[in-house]
């Protein structure tokens, strides 16, 4: 069972990433792009995810993942039940979401510095 504390330090440590609180919700951004957001009750984690792979992720594990709100369907976004995720799995989704909003050179540098992932 993952908690917000399992990913908060990671999100703050990723290059160019910073946390903000918007209307009581913790979000991680790179520039103005939000790549991870938590619900105000800290039970739901929404994160950037490729649209073309979204249905496969949700269909494969509907107990963990669901479509984003109708207003967010146009974006590369998935909603997850944070308590259904393992801590390492949640950290992996955070890093993958971060990769979507940073230049590839930063993503490659992260891979070199962390060859075994965010584990």
N, C-alpha and C. Protein backbone atom coordinates (compact mmCIF):
# COMPACT_ATOMS: atom_id res chain seq x y z
N UNK A 1 0.84 -1.18 0.00
CA UNK A 1 0.00 0.00 0.00
C UNK A 1 0.88 1.24 0.00
N UNK A 2 0.78 2.03 -1.05
CA UNK A 2 1.59 3.24 -1.18
C UNK A 2 0.89 4.41 -0.50
N UNK A 3 1.69 5.36 -0.06
CA UNK A 3 1.17 6.60 0.52
C UNK A 3 1.84 7.77 -0.19
N UNK A 4 1.35 8.93 0.04
CA UNK A 4 1.92 10.12 -0.57
C UNK A 4 3.37 10.31 -0.13
N UNK A 5 3.70 9.90 1.08
CA UNK A 5 5.07 10.03 1.57
C UNK A 5 6.04 9.14 0.82
N UNK A 6 5.55 8.05 0.24
CA UNK A 6 6.40 7.15 -0.53
C UNK A 6 6.93 7.79 -1.80
N UNK A 7 6.22 8.78 -2.33
CA UNK A 7 6.64 9.40 -3.59
C UNK A 7 7.00 10.88 -3.45
N UNK A 8 6.66 11.49 -2.36
CA UNK A 8 6.88 12.93 -2.22
C UNK A 8 8.36 13.31 -2.29
N UNK A 9 9.21 12.60 -1.60
CA UNK A 9 10.65 12.91 -1.62
C UNK A 9 11.22 12.69 -3.03
N UNK A 10 10.76 11.65 -3.70
CA UNK A 10 11.22 11.38 -5.05
C UNK A 10 10.82 12.51 -5.99
N UNK A 11 9.56 12.90 -5.95
CA UNK A 11 9.08 13.97 -6.83
C UNK A 11 9.84 15.27 -6.63
N UNK A 12 10.19 15.57 -5.40
CA UNK A 12 10.94 16.79 -5.10
C UNK A 12 12.40 16.68 -5.53
N UNK A 13 12.92 15.46 -5.64
CA UNK A 13 14.33 15.29 -5.97
C UNK A 13 14.60 15.22 -7.47
N UNK A 14 13.58 15.01 -8.27
CA UNK A 14 13.78 14.91 -9.71
C UNK A 14 14.15 16.29 -10.28
N UNK A 15 15.06 16.28 -11.23
CA UNK A 15 15.56 17.54 -11.78
C UNK A 15 14.44 18.36 -12.42
N UNK A 16 14.44 19.65 -12.14
CA UNK A 16 13.48 20.64 -12.62
C UNK A 16 12.09 20.47 -12.01
N UNK A 17 11.90 19.50 -11.16
CA UNK A 17 10.60 19.23 -10.57
C UNK A 17 10.43 20.02 -9.27
N UNK A 18 9.23 20.48 -9.04
CA UNK A 18 8.92 21.15 -7.78
C UNK A 18 7.48 20.87 -7.40
N UNK A 19 7.20 20.98 -6.12
CA UNK A 19 5.83 20.71 -5.67
C UNK A 19 5.10 22.01 -5.39
N UNK A 20 3.80 21.97 -5.64
CA UNK A 20 2.92 23.09 -5.37
C UNK A 20 1.66 22.55 -4.74
N UNK A 21 0.96 23.39 -4.03
CA UNK A 21 -0.34 23.03 -3.49
C UNK A 21 -1.35 23.95 -4.14
N UNK A 22 -2.32 23.35 -4.85
CA UNK A 22 -3.34 24.10 -5.55
C UNK A 22 -4.70 23.63 -5.04
N UNK A 23 -5.44 24.52 -4.43
CA UNK A 23 -6.77 24.19 -3.88
C UNK A 23 -6.71 22.97 -2.97
N UNK A 24 -5.69 22.90 -2.15
CA UNK A 24 -5.55 21.82 -1.19
C UNK A 24 -5.02 20.52 -1.75
N UNK A 25 -4.60 20.53 -3.02
CA UNK A 25 -4.07 19.32 -3.65
C UNK A 25 -2.59 19.49 -3.94
N UNK A 26 -1.79 18.49 -3.56
CA UNK A 26 -0.37 18.48 -3.86
C UNK A 26 -0.17 18.08 -5.31
N UNK A 27 0.66 18.86 -6.01
CA UNK A 27 0.96 18.56 -7.41
C UNK A 27 2.46 18.72 -7.63
N UNK A 28 2.98 17.97 -8.58
CA UNK A 28 4.37 18.12 -8.98
C UNK A 28 4.40 18.65 -10.40
N UNK A 29 5.27 19.63 -10.61
CA UNK A 29 5.37 20.29 -11.90
C UNK A 29 6.81 20.34 -12.37
N UNK A 30 6.93 20.46 -13.68
CA UNK A 30 8.17 20.86 -14.33
C UNK A 30 7.75 22.05 -15.17
N UNK A 31 8.27 23.21 -14.82
CA UNK A 31 7.78 24.44 -15.46
C UNK A 31 6.31 24.61 -15.07
N UNK A 32 5.45 24.76 -16.06
CA UNK A 32 4.02 24.87 -15.79
C UNK A 32 3.27 23.56 -16.03
N UNK A 33 4.00 22.52 -16.44
CA UNK A 33 3.37 21.23 -16.75
C UNK A 33 3.24 20.37 -15.50
N UNK A 34 2.03 20.02 -15.16
CA UNK A 34 1.78 19.13 -14.03
C UNK A 34 1.93 17.69 -14.52
N UNK A 35 2.72 16.90 -13.81
CA UNK A 35 2.87 15.50 -14.22
C UNK A 35 2.36 14.51 -13.17
N UNK A 36 2.15 14.95 -11.93
CA UNK A 36 1.54 14.13 -10.89
C UNK A 36 0.70 15.03 -10.01
N UNK A 37 -0.48 14.55 -9.65
CA UNK A 37 -1.36 15.29 -8.74
C UNK A 37 -2.03 14.31 -7.79
N UNK A 38 -2.20 14.73 -6.56
CA UNK A 38 -2.86 13.91 -5.55
C UNK A 38 -4.17 14.55 -5.15
N UNK A 39 -5.15 13.73 -4.82
CA UNK A 39 -6.42 14.26 -4.33
C UNK A 39 -6.21 14.88 -2.96
N UNK A 40 -7.11 15.71 -2.54
CA UNK A 40 -6.96 16.37 -1.24
C UNK A 40 -7.01 15.38 -0.08
N UNK A 41 -7.67 14.23 -0.26
CA UNK A 41 -7.68 13.22 0.80
C UNK A 41 -6.49 12.25 0.69
N UNK A 42 -5.61 12.47 -0.30
CA UNK A 42 -4.38 11.70 -0.53
C UNK A 42 -4.63 10.23 -0.84
N UNK A 43 -5.80 9.90 -1.36
CA UNK A 43 -6.11 8.51 -1.72
C UNK A 43 -5.91 8.25 -3.21
N UNK A 44 -5.96 9.29 -4.01
CA UNK A 44 -5.87 9.16 -5.45
C UNK A 44 -4.63 9.87 -5.97
N UNK A 45 -3.92 9.19 -6.85
CA UNK A 45 -2.78 9.80 -7.53
C UNK A 45 -3.09 9.81 -9.02
N UNK A 46 -3.05 10.97 -9.62
CA UNK A 46 -3.21 11.10 -11.06
C UNK A 46 -1.84 11.42 -11.63
N UNK A 47 -1.54 10.84 -12.79
CA UNK A 47 -0.21 11.03 -13.35
C UNK A 47 -0.26 11.02 -14.87
N UNK A 48 0.77 11.64 -15.47
CA UNK A 48 0.90 11.66 -16.92
C UNK A 48 1.16 10.24 -17.40
N UNK A 49 0.48 9.88 -18.48
CA UNK A 49 0.61 8.52 -19.04
C UNK A 49 0.19 8.60 -20.50
N UNK A 50 0.88 7.89 -21.39
CA UNK A 50 0.54 7.96 -22.82
C UNK A 50 -0.92 7.56 -23.09
N UNK A 51 -1.62 8.42 -23.83
CA UNK A 51 -3.03 8.15 -24.13
C UNK A 51 -3.23 6.83 -24.86
N UNK A 52 -2.31 6.50 -25.77
CA UNK A 52 -2.48 5.29 -26.57
C UNK A 52 -2.31 4.02 -25.75
N UNK A 53 -1.75 4.12 -24.57
CA UNK A 53 -1.57 2.95 -23.70
C UNK A 53 -2.53 2.95 -22.50
N UNK A 54 -3.29 3.99 -22.37
CA UNK A 54 -4.16 4.19 -21.20
C UNK A 54 -5.21 3.09 -21.05
N UNK A 55 -5.90 2.75 -22.12
CA UNK A 55 -6.96 1.74 -22.02
C UNK A 55 -6.40 0.37 -21.63
N UNK A 56 -5.21 0.05 -22.12
CA UNK A 56 -4.58 -1.22 -21.76
C UNK A 56 -4.24 -1.28 -20.28
N UNK A 57 -3.72 -0.19 -19.75
CA UNK A 57 -3.38 -0.14 -18.32
C UNK A 57 -4.64 -0.27 -17.47
N UNK A 58 -5.65 0.48 -17.81
CA UNK A 58 -6.89 0.47 -17.02
C UNK A 58 -7.62 -0.86 -17.17
N UNK A 59 -7.70 -1.39 -18.38
CA UNK A 59 -8.38 -2.67 -18.61
C UNK A 59 -7.68 -3.82 -17.93
N UNK A 60 -6.35 -3.75 -17.81
CA UNK A 60 -5.59 -4.83 -17.20
C UNK A 60 -5.67 -4.85 -15.69
N UNK A 61 -5.88 -3.71 -15.08
CA UNK A 61 -5.95 -3.62 -13.62
C UNK A 61 -6.99 -2.57 -13.19
N UNK A 62 -8.27 -2.84 -13.42
CA UNK A 62 -9.30 -1.85 -13.10
C UNK A 62 -9.43 -1.57 -11.60
N UNK A 63 -8.90 -2.45 -10.76
CA UNK A 63 -8.96 -2.20 -9.32
C UNK A 63 -7.94 -1.13 -8.91
N UNK A 64 -6.95 -0.89 -9.75
CA UNK A 64 -5.91 0.10 -9.43
C UNK A 64 -6.06 1.39 -10.22
N UNK A 65 -6.50 1.29 -11.48
CA UNK A 65 -6.48 2.44 -12.38
C UNK A 65 -7.86 2.73 -12.95
N UNK A 66 -8.08 3.99 -13.28
CA UNK A 66 -9.33 4.39 -13.93
C UNK A 66 -9.06 5.60 -14.83
N UNK A 67 -10.01 5.83 -15.69
CA UNK A 67 -9.90 6.97 -16.61
C UNK A 67 -9.92 8.27 -15.79
N UNK A 68 -9.28 9.29 -16.31
CA UNK A 68 -9.35 10.59 -15.63
C UNK A 68 -10.75 11.18 -15.78
N UNK A 69 -10.98 12.28 -15.11
CA UNK A 69 -12.29 12.94 -15.23
C UNK A 69 -12.54 13.31 -16.68
N UNK A 70 -13.81 13.44 -17.08
CA UNK A 70 -14.12 13.75 -18.48
C UNK A 70 -13.38 15.00 -19.00
N UNK A 71 -13.19 15.98 -18.17
CA UNK A 71 -12.49 17.20 -18.62
C UNK A 71 -11.00 16.95 -18.87
N UNK A 72 -10.45 15.86 -18.33
CA UNK A 72 -9.03 15.55 -18.50
C UNK A 72 -8.76 14.46 -19.54
N UNK A 73 -9.81 13.94 -20.19
CA UNK A 73 -9.63 12.86 -21.16
C UNK A 73 -8.76 13.27 -22.34
N UNK A 74 -8.75 14.53 -22.68
CA UNK A 74 -7.95 14.98 -23.82
C UNK A 74 -6.46 15.00 -23.51
N UNK A 75 -6.11 14.93 -22.24
CA UNK A 75 -4.71 14.97 -21.83
C UNK A 75 -4.16 13.56 -21.64
N UNK A 76 -2.85 13.47 -21.58
CA UNK A 76 -2.16 12.21 -21.28
C UNK A 76 -2.21 12.03 -19.76
N UNK A 77 -3.27 11.38 -19.26
CA UNK A 77 -3.51 11.37 -17.83
C UNK A 77 -4.23 10.10 -17.43
N UNK A 78 -3.87 9.54 -16.27
CA UNK A 78 -4.53 8.37 -15.70
C UNK A 78 -4.73 8.62 -14.21
N UNK A 79 -5.79 8.08 -13.67
CA UNK A 79 -6.07 8.19 -12.24
C UNK A 79 -5.85 6.83 -11.60
N UNK A 80 -5.28 6.83 -10.39
CA UNK A 80 -5.03 5.55 -9.72
C UNK A 80 -5.45 5.63 -8.26
N UNK A 81 -5.78 4.47 -7.72
CA UNK A 81 -6.05 4.35 -6.29
C UNK A 81 -4.70 4.14 -5.63
N UNK A 82 -4.20 5.15 -4.94
CA UNK A 82 -2.86 5.11 -4.38
C UNK A 82 -2.70 3.95 -3.40
N UNK A 83 -3.73 3.62 -2.65
CA UNK A 83 -3.63 2.55 -1.67
C UNK A 83 -3.53 1.17 -2.32
N UNK A 84 -3.92 1.05 -3.60
CA UNK A 84 -3.83 -0.23 -4.30
C UNK A 84 -2.46 -0.44 -4.93
N UNK A 85 -1.64 0.60 -4.96
CA UNK A 85 -0.30 0.50 -5.55
C UNK A 85 0.73 0.14 -4.50
N UNK A 86 1.74 -0.58 -4.92
CA UNK A 86 2.90 -0.83 -4.06
C UNK A 86 3.78 0.42 -4.11
N UNK A 87 4.53 0.73 -3.05
CA UNK A 87 5.37 1.93 -3.05
C UNK A 87 6.33 2.01 -4.23
N UNK A 88 7.00 0.91 -4.57
CA UNK A 88 7.94 0.92 -5.70
C UNK A 88 7.20 1.17 -7.02
N UNK A 89 6.01 0.62 -7.15
CA UNK A 89 5.21 0.81 -8.35
C UNK A 89 4.79 2.28 -8.48
N UNK A 90 4.38 2.89 -7.38
CA UNK A 90 3.99 4.30 -7.40
C UNK A 90 5.17 5.18 -7.79
N UNK A 91 6.35 4.89 -7.24
CA UNK A 91 7.54 5.67 -7.59
C UNK A 91 7.89 5.53 -9.07
N UNK A 92 7.69 4.34 -9.60
CA UNK A 92 7.97 4.11 -11.01
C UNK A 92 7.04 4.94 -11.90
N UNK A 93 5.76 5.02 -11.53
CA UNK A 93 4.82 5.83 -12.30
C UNK A 93 5.18 7.32 -12.20
N UNK A 94 5.66 7.76 -11.06
CA UNK A 94 6.07 9.15 -10.90
C UNK A 94 7.24 9.46 -11.83
N UNK A 95 8.23 8.59 -11.86
CA UNK A 95 9.40 8.82 -12.73
C UNK A 95 8.99 8.77 -14.20
N UNK A 96 8.15 7.82 -14.57
CA UNK A 96 7.69 7.73 -15.96
C UNK A 96 6.90 8.97 -16.36
N UNK A 97 6.09 9.49 -15.46
CA UNK A 97 5.33 10.71 -15.74
C UNK A 97 6.28 11.90 -15.89
N UNK A 98 7.28 11.97 -15.03
CA UNK A 98 8.28 13.04 -15.11
C UNK A 98 9.00 12.99 -16.45
N UNK A 99 9.32 11.78 -16.93
CA UNK A 99 10.00 11.62 -18.21
C UNK A 99 9.21 12.25 -19.36
N UNK A 100 7.89 12.26 -19.23
CA UNK A 100 7.04 12.80 -20.29
C UNK A 100 7.13 14.32 -20.41
N UNK A 101 7.63 15.00 -19.39
CA UNK A 101 7.63 16.46 -19.40
C UNK A 101 9.02 17.09 -19.36
N UNK A 102 10.06 16.27 -19.37
CA UNK A 102 11.42 16.81 -19.37
C UNK A 102 12.13 16.43 -20.67
N UNK A 103 13.19 17.16 -21.01
CA UNK A 103 13.96 16.79 -22.20
C UNK A 103 14.58 15.40 -22.03
N UNK A 104 14.78 14.73 -23.15
CA UNK A 104 15.33 13.38 -23.12
C UNK A 104 16.70 13.30 -22.47
N UNK A 105 17.48 14.37 -22.58
CA UNK A 105 18.81 14.32 -21.97
C UNK A 105 18.71 14.20 -20.45
N UNK A 106 17.69 14.79 -19.83
CA UNK A 106 17.51 14.65 -18.38
C UNK A 106 17.06 13.24 -18.04
N UNK A 107 16.20 12.69 -18.87
CA UNK A 107 15.73 11.31 -18.66
C UNK A 107 16.89 10.33 -18.77
N UNK A 108 17.74 10.52 -19.76
CA UNK A 108 18.90 9.64 -19.93
C UNK A 108 19.87 9.78 -18.77
N UNK A 109 20.08 11.01 -18.31
CA UNK A 109 20.98 11.24 -17.17
C UNK A 109 20.43 10.55 -15.92
N UNK A 110 19.12 10.58 -15.73
CA UNK A 110 18.50 9.89 -14.58
C UNK A 110 18.77 8.39 -14.68
N UNK A 111 18.61 7.83 -15.89
CA UNK A 111 18.83 6.40 -16.08
C UNK A 111 20.28 6.00 -15.76
N UNK A 112 21.22 6.84 -16.13
CA UNK A 112 22.63 6.55 -15.84
C UNK A 112 22.90 6.61 -14.34
N UNK A 113 22.28 7.56 -13.67
CA UNK A 113 22.49 7.72 -12.21
C UNK A 113 21.71 6.68 -11.40
N UNK A 114 20.64 6.15 -11.96
CA UNK A 114 19.78 5.19 -11.25
C UNK A 114 19.52 3.97 -12.15
N UNK A 115 20.53 3.14 -12.39
CA UNK A 115 20.36 2.03 -13.33
C UNK A 115 19.31 1.00 -12.91
N UNK A 116 18.95 0.95 -11.65
CA UNK A 116 17.96 -0.02 -11.18
C UNK A 116 16.60 0.63 -10.93
N UNK A 117 16.41 1.85 -11.42
CA UNK A 117 15.14 2.53 -11.28
C UNK A 117 15.00 3.21 -9.93
N UNK A 118 13.82 3.78 -9.69
CA UNK A 118 13.60 4.55 -8.46
C UNK A 118 13.39 3.68 -7.22
N UNK A 119 13.07 2.38 -7.44
CA UNK A 119 12.87 1.39 -6.40
C UNK A 119 12.79 1.94 -5.06
